[in-house]
Amino acid sequence: MEKLTYHIVYALLFLLALLPLWALYVLSDVIRFFVYHVGHYQLETVRRNLRRSFPEKDEEELLTIERQFYHQLCDNIVESVKLLHVSDRTMRRHVDVRGGELIEQAADDHRPVFMLLGHMGNWEWVQEVSKRVSRPSVQGEIYHPLRSPLAERIMRAVRSRYHTMLIPQKEAVRTIIGMKQQHDSYLIGFIADQRPRRMSLTHWMDFLNQDTPYMVGAEGIGRRVNAKYVYLHVAKPRRGHYVMTLTDMVLPASADSCGRNEHPYTELYMRMLEQNIREYPAQWLWSHKRWKHQREVKN
């Protein structure tokens, strides 16, 4: 029964993917009406996150970001479905990738490349970066498997367009270190702005005006394989078009001079992400309960 359900859902989504993007954006507007105006999906979370992140903005400004965010959220749905049937030519028209030479230079130096990014714009389309670089040939992404087996199979089908290695988060350390033994260079994408698990709430910093826990897994693994870190800045000049710019993550001279900054690249990533969010606030995933946990105060 589960297999039959998957094939039915996949067939329906594939038929939708046959539609041109302009038609899918009409569908996105319909979905937005029900998600935002009828269902109020995570509306209180979105408003609380925006209010605390931008205390300097008035209610009208926050409402504008809120509305634009729900547009982006629903566009993400139809854009992800489109990956089931979309040409390379179409993707090249809609995604402008810049700075790919940073990855290729690291490959020439026989170093793995860790691409750090956040939930900005459409992160499913970020895999387009892998098609715009000639090397390294081995590429993968860390992901968190979905709880629903059906949703998991569908998302793997969507992501299979790029033929990148999908590495479950729990297997990241073993897999990536094992890759180093077989390949001198490879590209791994990390979406590193999720909320850490409760047992991992050990690293905190000020981020978007709030005391925020952050994950350090990418940097920890990177140290073991001598990885080069790059940040992926995402901009959206207009609907359906993204500019993805790879930026070298260069530590300031004072970053770890006294040994007090334990994870300098992770903190630099958080600062770069924060700046990206402030530039394009509606493009971040505000419906995520990023600040669910509070730091425990020790007596």
C-alpha atoms as a PDB file:
ATOM      1  CA  MET A   1       0.000   0.000   0.000  1.00  0.00           C
ATOM      2  CA  GLU A   2       2.821   2.375   0.888  1.00  0.00           C
ATOM      3  CA  LYS A   3       4.539   1.698  -2.447  1.00  0.00           C
ATOM      4  CA  LEU A   4       1.305   2.331  -4.349  1.00  0.00           C
ATOM      5  CA  THR A   5       0.738   5.596  -2.461  1.00  0.00           C
ATOM      6  CA  TYR A   6       4.231   6.752  -3.361  1.00  0.00           C
ATOM      7  CA  HIS A   7       3.729   6.073  -7.059  1.00  0.00           C
ATOM      8  CA  ILE A   8       0.383   7.888  -7.079  1.00  0.00           C
ATOM      9  CA  VAL A   9       1.780  10.946  -5.276  1.00  0.00           C
ATOM     10  CA  TYR A  10       4.901  10.962  -7.438  1.00  0.00           C
ATOM     11  CA  ALA A  11       2.808  10.775 -10.622  1.00  0.00           C
ATOM     12  CA  LEU A  12       0.652  13.717  -9.519  1.00  0.00           C
ATOM     13  CA  LEU A  13       3.684  15.807  -8.620  1.00  0.00           C
ATOM     14  CA  PHE A  14       5.383  14.919 -11.904  1.00  0.00           C
ATOM     15  CA  LEU A  15       2.320  16.109 -13.815  1.00  0.00           C
ATOM     16  CA  LEU A  16       2.509  19.391 -11.910  1.00  0.00           C
ATOM     17  CA  ALA A  17       6.204  19.651 -12.763  1.00  0.00           C
ATOM     18  CA  LEU A  18       5.288  19.579 -16.456  1.00  0.00           C
ATOM     19  CA  LEU A  19       3.659  22.993 -16.045  1.00  0.00           C
ATOM     20  CA  PRO A  20       5.745  26.079 -16.856  1.00  0.00           C
ATOM     21  CA  LEU A  21       7.050  28.045 -13.900  1.00  0.00           C
ATOM     22  CA  TRP A  22       4.646  30.943 -14.466  1.00  0.00           C
ATOM     23  CA  ALA A  23       1.709  28.538 -14.045  1.00  0.00           C
ATOM     24  CA  LEU A  24       3.270  27.049 -10.937  1.00  0.00           C
ATOM     25  CA  TYR A  25       3.587  30.530  -9.445  1.00  0.00           C
ATOM     26  CA  VAL A  26      -0.150  31.014  -9.966  1.00  0.00           C
ATOM     27  CA  LEU A  27      -0.615  27.789  -8.012  1.00  0.00           C
ATOM     28  CA  SER A  28       1.774  29.124  -5.368  1.00  0.00           C
ATOM     29  CA  ASP A  29      -0.456  32.183  -4.900  1.00  0.00           C
ATOM     30  CA  VAL A  30      -3.448  29.894  -4.350  1.00  0.00           C
ATOM     31  CA  ILE A  31      -1.514  27.788  -1.840  1.00  0.00           C
ATOM     32  CA  ARG A  32      -0.397  30.961  -0.045  1.00  0.00           C
ATOM     33  CA  PHE A  33      -4.011  32.058   0.434  1.00  0.00           C
ATOM     34  CA  PHE A  34      -4.833  28.860   2.303  1.00  0.00           C
ATOM     35  CA  VAL A  35      -1.512  28.575   4.159  1.00  0.00           C
ATOM     36  CA  TYR A  36      -1.384  32.213   5.281  1.00  0.00           C
ATOM     37  CA  HIS A  37      -4.909  33.618   5.361  1.00  0.00           C
ATOM     38  CA  VAL A  38      -6.910  30.487   6.166  1.00  0.00           C
ATOM     39  CA  GLY A  39      -4.612  28.071   7.989  1.00  0.00           C
ATOM     40  CA  HIS A  40      -2.328  30.706   9.603  1.00  0.00           C
ATOM     41  CA  TYR A  41       0.523  28.207   9.323  1.00  0.00           C
ATOM     42  CA  GLN A  42       3.042  28.897  12.125  1.00  0.00           C
ATOM     43  CA  LEU A  43       1.887  32.524  12.084  1.00  0.00           C
ATOM     44  CA  GLU A  44       2.526  33.187  15.766  1.00  0.00           C
ATOM     45  CA  THR A  45       6.024  31.722  15.474  1.00  0.00           C
ATOM     46  CA  VAL A  46       6.781  33.852  12.420  1.00  0.00           C
ATOM     47  CA  ARG A  47       5.564  37.045  14.082  1.00  0.00           C
ATOM     48  CA  ARG A  48       7.416  36.373  17.305  1.00  0.00           C
ATOM     49  CA  ASN A  49      10.656  35.609  15.462  1.00  0.00           C
ATOM     50  CA  LEU A  50      10.401  38.731  13.317  1.00  0.00           C
ATOM     51  CA  ARG A  51       9.511  40.997  16.224  1.00  0.00           C
ATOM     52  CA  ARG A  52      12.447  39.819  18.329  1.00  0.00           C
ATOM     53  CA  SER A  53      14.920  39.798  15.436  1.00  0.00           C
ATOM     54  CA  PHE A  54      14.094  43.313  14.223  1.00  0.00           C
ATOM     55  CA  PRO A  55      13.094  45.418  17.239  1.00  0.00           C
ATOM     56  CA  GLU A  56      14.014  48.546  15.265  1.00  0.00           C
ATOM     57  CA  LYS A  57      11.277  47.926  12.653  1.00  0.00           C
ATOM     58  CA  ASP A  58       7.704  49.150  13.062  1.00  0.00           C
ATOM     59  CA  GLU A  59       4.626  46.962  12.673  1.00  0.00           C
ATOM     60  CA  GLU A  60       4.075  47.933   9.048  1.00  0.00           C
ATOM     61  CA  GLU A  61       7.618  46.918   8.092  1.00  0.00           C
ATOM     62  CA  LEU A  62       7.301  43.620   9.942  1.00  0.00           C
ATOM     63  CA  LEU A  63       3.966  42.907   8.258  1.00  0.00           C
ATOM     64  CA  THR A  64       5.543  43.486   4.847  1.00  0.00           C
ATOM     65  CA  ILE A  65       8.323  40.995   5.609  1.00  0.00           C
ATOM     66  CA  GLU A  66       5.746  38.539   6.945  1.00  0.00           C
ATOM     67  CA  ARG A  67       3.677  38.661   3.757  1.00  0.00           C
ATOM     68  CA  GLN A  68       6.749  38.344   1.554  1.00  0.00           C
ATOM     69  CA  PHE A  69       7.961  35.404   3.609  1.00  0.00           C
ATOM     70  CA  TYR A  70       4.781  33.429   2.965  1.00  0.00           C
ATOM     71  CA  HIS A  71       5.143  34.178  -0.743  1.00  0.00           C
ATOM     72  CA  GLN A  72       8.657  32.714  -0.586  1.00  0.00           C
ATOM     73  CA  LEU A  73       7.554  29.703   1.446  1.00  0.00           C
ATOM     74  CA  CYS A  74       4.899  28.729  -1.093  1.00  0.00           C
ATOM     75  CA  ASP A  75       7.184  29.473  -4.025  1.00  0.00           C
ATOM     76  CA  ASN A  76       9.640  27.022  -2.460  1.00  0.00           C
ATOM     77  CA  ILE A  77       6.998  24.299  -2.655  1.00  0.00           C
ATOM     78  CA  VAL A  78       6.258  24.674  -6.368  1.00  0.00           C
ATOM     79  CA  GLU A  79       9.896  25.354  -7.278  1.00  0.00           C
ATOM     80  CA  SER A  80      10.924  22.139  -5.537  1.00  0.00           C
ATOM     81  CA  VAL A  81       8.252  20.170  -7.393  1.00  0.00           C
ATOM     82  CA  LYS A  82       9.556  21.640 -10.654  1.00  0.00           C
ATOM     83  CA  LEU A  83      12.866  19.856 -10.064  1.00  0.00           C
ATOM     84  CA  LEU A  84      11.100  16.629 -11.062  1.00  0.00           C
ATOM     85  CA  HIS A  85      10.958  17.932 -14.639  1.00  0.00           C
ATOM     86  CA  VAL A  86      13.079  20.946 -15.538  1.00  0.00           C
ATOM     87  CA  SER A  87      15.787  21.493 -18.129  1.00  0.00           C
ATOM     88  CA  ASP A  88      19.325  22.664 -17.462  1.00  0.00           C
ATOM     89  CA  ARG A  89      18.599  25.630 -19.732  1.00  0.00           C
ATOM     90  CA  THR A  90      15.685  26.734 -17.561  1.00  0.00           C
ATOM     91  CA  MET A  91      17.720  26.416 -14.379  1.00  0.00           C
ATOM     92  CA  ARG A  92      20.527  28.475 -15.889  1.00  0.00           C
ATOM     93  CA  ARG A  93      18.040  31.242 -16.652  1.00  0.00           C
ATOM     94  CA  HIS A  94      16.744  31.245 -13.091  1.00  0.00           C
ATOM     95  CA  VAL A  95      19.891  30.616 -11.029  1.00  0.00           C
ATOM     96  CA  ASP A  96      23.015  32.728 -11.384  1.00  0.00           C
ATOM     97  CA  VAL A  97      25.972  31.077  -9.630  1.00  0.00           C
ATOM     98  CA  ARG A  98      29.031  33.220  -8.933  1.00  0.00           C
ATOM     99  CA  GLY A  99      32.382  32.455  -7.350  1.00  0.00           C
ATOM    100  CA  GLY A 100      32.574  28.830  -8.435  1.00  0.00           C
ATOM    101  CA  GLU A 101      36.302  29.246  -9.000  1.00  0.00           C
ATOM    102  CA  LEU A 102      36.777  29.092  -5.199  1.00  0.00           C
ATOM    103  CA  ILE A 103      35.625  25.472  -5.240  1.00  0.00           C
ATOM    104  CA  GLU A 104      37.700  24.587  -8.280  1.00  0.00           C
ATOM    105  CA  GLN A 105      40.836  26.168  -6.788  1.00  0.00           C
ATOM    106  CA  ALA A 106      40.400  24.127  -3.609  1.00  0.00           C
ATOM    107  CA  ALA A 107      40.020  21.006  -5.737  1.00  0.00           C
ATOM    108  CA  ASP A 108      43.281  21.888  -7.485  1.00  0.00           C
ATOM    109  CA  ASP A 109      44.878  22.146  -4.026  1.00  0.00           C
ATOM    110  CA  HIS A 110      43.504  18.665  -3.191  1.00  0.00           C
ATOM    111  CA  ARG A 111      41.304  19.936  -0.371  1.00  0.00           C
ATOM    112  CA  PRO A 112      37.679  19.114   0.445  1.00  0.00           C
ATOM    113  CA  VAL A 113      35.285  22.079   0.265  1.00  0.00           C
ATOM    114  CA  PHE A 114      32.563  22.646   2.848  1.00  0.00           C
ATOM    115  CA  MET A 115      29.863  24.981   1.535  1.00  0.00           C
ATOM    116  CA  LEU A 116      27.954  26.521   4.456  1.00  0.00           C
ATOM    117  CA  LEU A 117      24.539  28.049   3.850  1.00  0.00           C
ATOM    118  CA  GLY A 118      21.286  28.816   5.583  1.00  0.00           C
ATOM    119  CA  HIS A 119      17.610  28.338   4.812  1.00  0.00           C
ATOM    120  CA  MET A 120      17.695  31.316   2.462  1.00  0.00           C
ATOM    121  CA  GLY A 121      15.621  31.528  -0.707  1.00  0.00           C
ATOM    122  CA  ASN A 122      15.049  28.056  -2.090  1.00  0.00           C
ATOM    123  CA  TRP A 123      17.692  25.777  -0.598  1.00  0.00           C
ATOM    124  CA  GLU A 124      16.559  22.902  -2.845  1.00  0.00           C
ATOM    125  CA  TRP A 125      17.760  24.914  -5.851  1.00  0.00           C
ATOM    126  CA  VAL A 126      21.148  25.452  -4.197  1.00  0.00           C
ATOM    127  CA  GLN A 127      22.251  22.107  -5.612  1.00  0.00           C
ATOM    128  CA  GLU A 128      22.473  23.915  -8.938  1.00  0.00           C
ATOM    129  CA  VAL A 129      25.894  25.061  -7.710  1.00  0.00           C
ATOM    130  CA  SER A 130      27.161  21.515  -8.270  1.00  0.00           C
ATOM    131  CA  LYS A 131      26.363  21.782 -11.985  1.00  0.00           C
ATOM    132  CA  ARG A 132      28.292  25.027 -12.404  1.00  0.00           C
ATOM    133  CA  VAL A 133      31.695  23.796 -11.238  1.00  0.00           C
ATOM    134  CA  SER A 134      33.868  21.418 -13.223  1.00  0.00           C
ATOM    135  CA  ARG A 135      35.565  19.911 -10.185  1.00  0.00           C
ATOM    136  CA  PRO A 136      35.598  18.166  -7.781  1.00  0.00           C
ATOM    137  CA  SER A 137      33.581  15.342  -9.307  1.00  0.00           C
ATOM    138  CA  VAL A 138      32.446  13.973  -5.938  1.00  0.00           C
ATOM    139  CA  GLN A 139      29.709  16.063  -4.347  1.00  0.00           C
ATOM    140  CA  GLY A 140      27.236  15.563  -1.543  1.00  0.00           C
ATOM    141  CA  GLU A 141      24.983  17.232   0.994  1.00  0.00           C
ATOM    142  CA  ILE A 142      24.152  16.636   4.626  1.00  0.00           C
ATOM    143  CA  TYR A 143      20.434  16.327   5.272  1.00  0.00           C
ATOM    144  CA  HIS A 144      18.047  15.415   8.054  1.00  0.00           C
ATOM    145  CA  PRO A 145      15.784  12.501   6.982  1.00  0.00           C
ATOM    146  CA  LEU A 146      12.067  13.228   7.228  1.00  0.00           C
ATOM    147  CA  ARG A 147       9.928  11.308   9.681  1.00  0.00           C
ATOM    148  CA  SER A 148       7.352  10.319   7.080  1.00  0.00           C
ATOM    149  CA  PRO A 149       8.666   7.505   4.826  1.00  0.00           C
ATOM    150  CA  LEU A 150       6.480   8.821   1.980  1.00  0.00           C
ATOM    151  CA  ALA A 151       7.762  12.399   2.316  1.00  0.00           C
ATOM    152  CA  GLU A 152      11.323  11.073   2.569  1.00  0.00           C
ATOM    153  CA  ARG A 153      11.016   9.135  -0.705  1.00  0.00           C
ATOM    154  CA  ILE A 154       9.479  12.124  -2.475  1.00  0.00           C
ATOM    155  CA  MET A 155      12.215  14.499  -1.322  1.00  0.00           C
ATOM    156  CA  ARG A 156      14.920  12.044  -2.345  1.00  0.00           C
ATOM    157  CA  ALA A 157      13.301  11.884  -5.780  1.00  0.00           C
ATOM    158  CA  VAL A 158      13.299  15.691  -5.998  1.00  0.00           C
ATOM    159  CA  ARG A 159      16.957  15.884  -4.985  1.00  0.00           C
ATOM    160  CA  SER A 160      18.031  13.040  -7.272  1.00  0.00           C
ATOM    161  CA  ARG A 161      18.079  15.414 -10.247  1.00  0.00           C
ATOM    162  CA  TYR A 162      21.591  16.486  -9.309  1.00  0.00           C
ATOM    163  CA  HIS A 163      22.957  13.018  -8.532  1.00  0.00           C
ATOM    164  CA  THR A 164      24.676  14.341  -5.410  1.00  0.00           C
ATOM    165  CA  MET A 165      25.352  12.018  -2.507  1.00  0.00           C
ATOM    166  CA  LEU A 166      22.685  12.423   0.184  1.00  0.00           C
ATOM    167  CA  ILE A 167      24.328  11.923   3.574  1.00  0.00           C
ATOM    168  CA  PRO A 168      22.054  11.522   6.641  1.00  0.00           C
ATOM    169  CA  GLN A 169      23.106  13.821   9.460  1.00  0.00           C
ATOM    170  CA  LYS A 170      23.802  10.936  11.835  1.00  0.00           C
ATOM    171  CA  GLU A 171      26.233   9.388   9.356  1.00  0.00           C
ATOM    172  CA  ALA A 172      28.035  12.602   8.409  1.00  0.00           C
ATOM    173  CA  VAL A 173      31.243  12.165  10.426  1.00  0.00           C
ATOM    174  CA  ARG A 174      31.899   8.565   9.406  1.00  0.00           C
ATOM    175  CA  THR A 175      30.954   9.134   5.766  1.00  0.00           C
ATOM    176  CA  ILE A 176      32.937  12.319   5.171  1.00  0.00           C
ATOM    177  CA  ILE A 177      36.085  11.073   6.886  1.00  0.00           C
ATOM    178  CA  GLY A 178      35.769   7.871   4.866  1.00  0.00           C
ATOM    179  CA  MET A 179      35.517   9.943   1.689  1.00  0.00           C
ATOM    180  CA  LYS A 180      38.849  11.585   2.517  1.00  0.00           C
ATOM    181  CA  GLN A 181      40.508   8.195   2.360  1.00  0.00           C
ATOM    182  CA  GLN A 182      39.245   7.684  -1.198  1.00  0.00           C
ATOM    183  CA  HIS A 183      39.203  11.197  -2.689  1.00  0.00           C
ATOM    184  CA  ASP A 184      41.583  14.112  -2.218  1.00  0.00           C
ATOM    185  CA  SER A 185      38.819  16.641  -2.882  1.00  0.00           C
ATOM    186  CA  TYR A 186      35.029  16.739  -2.707  1.00  0.00           C
ATOM    187  CA  LEU A 187      32.257  19.285  -2.182  1.00  0.00           C
ATOM    188  CA  ILE A 188      29.860  18.944   0.754  1.00  0.00           C
ATOM    189  CA  GLY A 189      26.941  21.286   1.436  1.00  0.00           C
ATOM    190  CA  PHE A 190      25.892  22.032   5.019  1.00  0.00           C
ATOM    191  CA  ILE A 191      22.694  23.874   5.934  1.00  0.00           C
ATOM    192  CA  ALA A 192      23.919  24.863   9.361  1.00  0.00           C
ATOM    193  CA  ASP A 193      21.265  27.195  10.804  1.00  0.00           C
ATOM    194  CA  GLN A 194      18.956  24.630  12.384  1.00  0.00           C
ATOM    195  CA  ARG A 195      18.292  24.492  16.103  1.00  0.00           C
ATOM    196  CA  PRO A 196      20.657  22.031  17.818  1.00  0.00           C
ATOM    197  CA  ARG A 197      19.205  19.122  19.712  1.00  0.00           C
ATOM    198  CA  ARG A 198      18.583  19.687  23.398  1.00  0.00           C
ATOM    199  CA  MET A 199      21.608  17.623  24.432  1.00  0.00           C
ATOM    200  CA  SER A 200      23.826  19.738  22.148  1.00  0.00           C
ATOM    201  CA  LEU A 201      22.955  23.184  23.510  1.00  0.00           C
ATOM    202  CA  THR A 202      26.546  23.984  24.451  1.00  0.00           C
ATOM    203  CA  HIS A 203      27.528  26.814  22.090  1.00  0.00           C
ATOM    204  CA  TRP A 204      25.737  30.180  22.166  1.00  0.00           C
ATOM    205  CA  MET A 205      26.127  33.624  20.609  1.00  0.00           C
ATOM    206  CA  ASP A 206      24.146  36.749  19.888  1.00  0.00           C
ATOM    207  CA  PHE A 207      22.367  36.287  16.546  1.00  0.00           C
ATOM    208  CA  LEU A 208      19.567  38.532  15.283  1.00  0.00           C
ATOM    209  CA  ASN A 209      19.362  40.245  18.679  1.00  0.00           C
ATOM    210  CA  GLN A 210      18.790  36.961  20.509  1.00  0.00           C
ATOM    211  CA  ASP A 211      20.848  34.525  22.546  1.00  0.00           C
ATOM    212  CA  THR A 212      21.132  31.680  20.037  1.00  0.00           C
ATOM    213  CA  PRO A 213      22.498  28.126  20.212  1.00  0.00           C
ATOM    214  CA  TYR A 214      24.422  26.983  17.159  1.00  0.00           C
ATOM    215  CA  MET A 215      25.802  23.755  15.736  1.00  0.00           C
ATOM    216  CA  VAL A 216      29.520  23.208  15.236  1.00  0.00           C
ATOM    217  CA  GLY A 217      29.482  19.898  13.376  1.00  0.00           C
ATOM    218  CA  ALA A 218      30.688  21.234  10.028  1.00  0.00           C
ATOM    219  CA  GLU A 219      33.745  22.895  11.543  1.00  0.00           C
ATOM    220  CA  GLY A 220      34.521  19.882  13.709  1.00  0.00           C
ATOM    221  CA  ILE A 221      34.524  17.548  10.720  1.00  0.00           C
ATOM    222  CA  GLY A 222      36.344  20.120   8.595  1.00  0.00           C
ATOM    223  CA  ARG A 223      39.287  20.213  10.958  1.00  0.00           C
ATOM    224  CA  ARG A 224      39.748  16.472  10.582  1.00  0.00           C
ATOM    225  CA  VAL A 225      39.902  16.588   6.772  1.00  0.00           C
ATOM    226  CA  ASN A 226      41.580  20.013   6.286  1.00  0.00           C
ATOM    227  CA  ALA A 227      38.521  21.438   4.552  1.00  0.00           C
ATOM    228  CA  LYS A 228      38.201  24.829   2.929  1.00  0.00           C
ATOM    229  CA  TYR A 229      35.078  26.712   4.053  1.00  0.00           C
ATOM    230  CA  VAL A 230      32.980  28.870   1.734  1.00  0.00           C
ATOM    231  CA  TYR A 231      29.733  30.677   2.466  1.00  0.00           C
ATOM    232  CA  LEU A 232      26.869  30.709  -0.035  1.00  0.00           C
ATOM    233  CA  HIS A 233      25.217  34.125  -0.115  1.00  0.00           C
ATOM    234  CA  VAL A 234      21.712  34.010  -1.603  1.00  0.00           C
ATOM    235  CA  ALA A 235      19.943  36.993  -3.165  1.00  0.00           C
ATOM    236  CA  LYS A 236      16.605  37.139  -4.963  1.00  0.00           C
ATOM    237  CA  PRO A 237      16.379  40.050  -7.442  1.00  0.00           C
ATOM    238  CA  ARG A 238      12.897  39.006  -8.587  1.00  0.00           C
ATOM    239  CA  ARG A 239      10.466  36.140  -8.354  1.00  0.00           C
ATOM    240  CA  GLY A 240      11.901  32.849  -9.495  1.00  0.00           C
ATOM    241  CA  HIS A 241      15.415  34.191  -9.926  1.00  0.00           C
ATOM    242  CA  TYR A 242      18.279  33.659  -7.496  1.00  0.00           C
ATOM    243  CA  VAL A 243      21.851  34.902  -7.361  1.00  0.00           C
ATOM    244  CA  MET A 244      24.024  32.469  -5.413  1.00  0.00           C
ATOM    245  CA  THR A 245      27.478  33.804  -4.626  1.00  0.00           C
ATOM    246  CA  LEU A 246      30.223  31.662  -3.131  1.00  0.00           C
ATOM    247  CA  THR A 247      32.296  33.724  -0.717  1.00  0.00           C
ATOM    248  CA  ASP A 248      35.638  32.770   0.786  1.00  0.00           C
ATOM    249  CA  MET A 249      35.428  32.518   4.569  1.00  0.00           C
ATOM    250  CA  VAL A 250      38.525  34.380   5.716  1.00  0.00           C
ATOM    251  CA  LEU A 251      39.040  34.695   9.445  1.00  0.00           C
ATOM    252  CA  PRO A 252      40.041  38.098  10.844  1.00  0.00           C
ATOM    253  CA  ALA A 253      43.593  38.256  12.154  1.00  0.00           C
ATOM    254  CA  SER A 254      42.380  38.392  15.760  1.00  0.00           C
ATOM    255  CA  ALA A 255      39.870  35.520  15.436  1.00  0.00           C
ATOM    256  CA  ASP A 256      41.720  32.990  17.543  1.00  0.00           C
ATOM    257  CA  SER A 257      44.834  34.821  18.641  1.00  0.00           C
ATOM    258  CA  CYS A 258      44.237  34.098  22.311  1.00  0.00           C
ATOM    259  CA  GLY A 259      42.561  30.716  21.899  1.00  0.00           C
ATOM    260  CA  ARG A 260      39.250  32.043  23.187  1.00  0.00           C
ATOM    261  CA  ASN A 261      37.310  31.496  19.975  1.00  0.00           C
ATOM    262  CA  GLU A 262      36.795  27.734  19.890  1.00  0.00           C
ATOM    263  CA  HIS A 263      34.844  27.624  16.621  1.00  0.00           C
ATOM    264  CA  PRO A 264      35.886  30.690  14.605  1.00  0.00           C
ATOM    265  CA  TYR A 265      34.565  29.483  11.239  1.00  0.00           C
ATOM    266  CA  THR A 266      31.160  28.647  12.672  1.00  0.00           C
ATOM    267  CA  GLU A 267      30.874  32.057  14.296  1.00  0.00           C
ATOM    268  CA  LEU A 268      31.996  33.708  11.053  1.00  0.00           C
ATOM    269  CA  TYR A 269      29.333  31.702   9.224  1.00  0.00           C
ATOM    270  CA  MET A 270      26.674  32.927  11.656  1.00  0.00           C
ATOM    271  CA  ARG A 271      27.761  36.547  11.116  1.00  0.00           C
ATOM    272  CA  MET A 272      27.694  36.153   7.333  1.00  0.00           C
ATOM    273  CA  LEU A 273      24.281  34.512   7.503  1.00  0.00           C
ATOM    274  CA  GLU A 274      22.960  37.271   9.747  1.00  0.00           C
ATOM    275  CA  GLN A 275      24.100  39.897   7.240  1.00  0.00           C
ATOM    276  CA  ASN A 276      22.482  37.913   4.419  1.00  0.00           C
ATOM    277  CA  ILE A 277      19.207  37.787   6.358  1.00  0.00           C
ATOM    278  CA  ARG A 278      19.267  41.520   7.057  1.00  0.00           C
ATOM    279  CA  GLU A 279      19.746  42.188   3.346  1.00  0.00           C
ATOM    280  CA  TYR A 280      16.880  39.891   2.320  1.00  0.00           C
ATOM    281  CA  PRO A 281      14.801  39.328   5.459  1.00  0.00           C
ATOM    282  CA  ALA A 282      11.795  37.729   3.753  1.00  0.00           C
ATOM    283  CA  GLN A 283      13.925  34.947   2.290  1.00  0.00           C
ATOM    284  CA  TRP A 284      14.836  33.191   5.557  1.00  0.00           C
ATOM    285  CA  LEU A 285      12.772  30.378   7.108  1.00  0.00           C
ATOM    286  CA  TRP A 286      10.999  32.313   9.848  1.00  0.00           C
ATOM    287  CA  SER A 287       8.481  29.533  10.571  1.00  0.00           C
ATOM    288  CA  HIS A 288      11.212  27.431  12.186  1.00  0.00           C
ATOM    289  CA  LYS A 289      11.200  27.472  16.008  1.00  0.00           C
ATOM    290  CA  ARG A 290      14.830  28.539  16.063  1.00  0.00           C
ATOM    291  CA  TRP A 291      14.740  29.971  19.584  1.00  0.00           C
ATOM    292  CA  LYS A 292      12.684  27.275  21.300  1.00  0.00           C
ATOM    293  CA  HIS A 293      15.336  26.582  23.940  1.00  0.00           C
ATOM    294  CA  GLN A 294      16.865  29.011  26.405  1.00  0.00           C
ATOM    295  CA  ARG A 295      20.341  28.892  27.857  1.00  0.00           C
ATOM    296  CA  GLU A 296      20.483  27.341  31.301  1.00  0.00           C
ATOM    297  CA  VAL A 297      21.822  29.726  33.887  1.00  0.00           C
ATOM    298  CA  LYS A 298      24.293  28.042  36.239  1.00  0.00           C
ATOM    299  CA  ASN A 299      24.369  29.216  39.833  1.00  0.00           C
END
